[in-house]
Amino acid sequence: MDELRALASARPGCSRVEWVTDHDSPGARALCKSLGFAEFDGKIVCRVDTGMT
């Protein structure tokens, strides 16, 4: 993650790194918080299933 932040910081116009996880995944949410990510409620993820399994 540190390398990803460094790559993003070095890229012109890149102002942030976003990570997506499920609300009901406490382990992933804890990992994100431990890496310095803040939870953000400002976006909504829209999804449609293709019917493929």
Protein backbone atom coordinates (compact mmCIF):
# COMPACT_ATOMS: atom_id res chain seq x y z
CA MET A 1 0.00 0.00 0.00
CA ASP A 2 2.87 2.37 0.68
CA GLU A 3 4.14 1.78 -2.85
CA LEU A 4 0.66 2.36 -4.25
CA ARG A 5 0.44 5.67 -2.40
CA ALA A 6 3.86 6.67 -3.72
CA LEU A 7 2.84 5.81 -7.29
CA ALA A 8 -0.39 7.77 -6.94
CA SER A 9 1.40 10.77 -5.42
CA ALA A 10 3.89 10.83 -8.29
CA ARG A 11 1.18 10.71 -10.96
CA PRO A 12 0.00 14.17 -12.10
CA GLY A 13 -3.68 14.68 -11.41
CA CYS A 14 -4.03 11.73 -9.04
CA SER A 15 -5.39 13.09 -5.78
CA ARG A 16 -6.33 9.94 -3.88
CA VAL A 17 -6.38 6.15 -3.65
CA GLU A 18 -9.71 4.47 -3.01
CA TRP A 19 -10.33 0.96 -1.76
CA VAL A 20 -13.72 -0.75 -1.80
CA THR A 21 -14.90 -3.37 0.68
CA ASP A 22 -18.24 -4.65 1.93
CA HIS A 23 -19.90 -3.10 4.98
CA ASP A 24 -20.18 -6.55 6.54
CA SER A 25 -16.47 -7.37 6.24
CA PRO A 26 -14.96 -6.33 9.59
CA GLY A 27 -11.56 -7.80 8.76
CA ALA A 28 -11.22 -5.83 5.53
CA ARG A 29 -12.50 -2.68 7.20
CA ALA A 30 -9.99 -3.09 10.03
CA LEU A 31 -7.19 -3.59 7.51
CA CYS A 32 -8.15 -0.43 5.66
CA LYS A 33 -8.22 1.56 8.90
CA SER A 34 -4.85 0.13 9.98
CA LEU A 35 -3.37 1.35 6.68
CA GLY A 36 -4.67 4.87 7.27
CA PHE A 37 -7.72 4.73 5.00
CA ALA A 38 -10.77 6.61 6.27
CA GLU A 39 -14.26 5.29 5.60
CA PHE A 40 -16.13 7.62 3.29
CA ASP A 41 -19.88 7.67 2.75
CA GLY A 42 -19.85 10.05 -0.20
CA LYS A 43 -20.13 7.49 -3.00
CA ILE A 44 -22.62 4.84 -3.93
CA VAL A 45 -21.52 1.72 -5.77
CA CYS A 46 -23.98 0.61 -8.44
CA ARG A 47 -23.82 -2.93 -9.77
CA VAL A 48 -25.72 -5.15 -12.14
CA ASP A 49 -25.22 -8.90 -12.32
CA THR A 50 -24.60 -10.42 -15.72
CA GLY A 51 -26.35 -13.67 -14.88
CA MET A 52 -23.06 -15.57 -15.25
CA THR A 53 -21.90 -17.62 -12.29
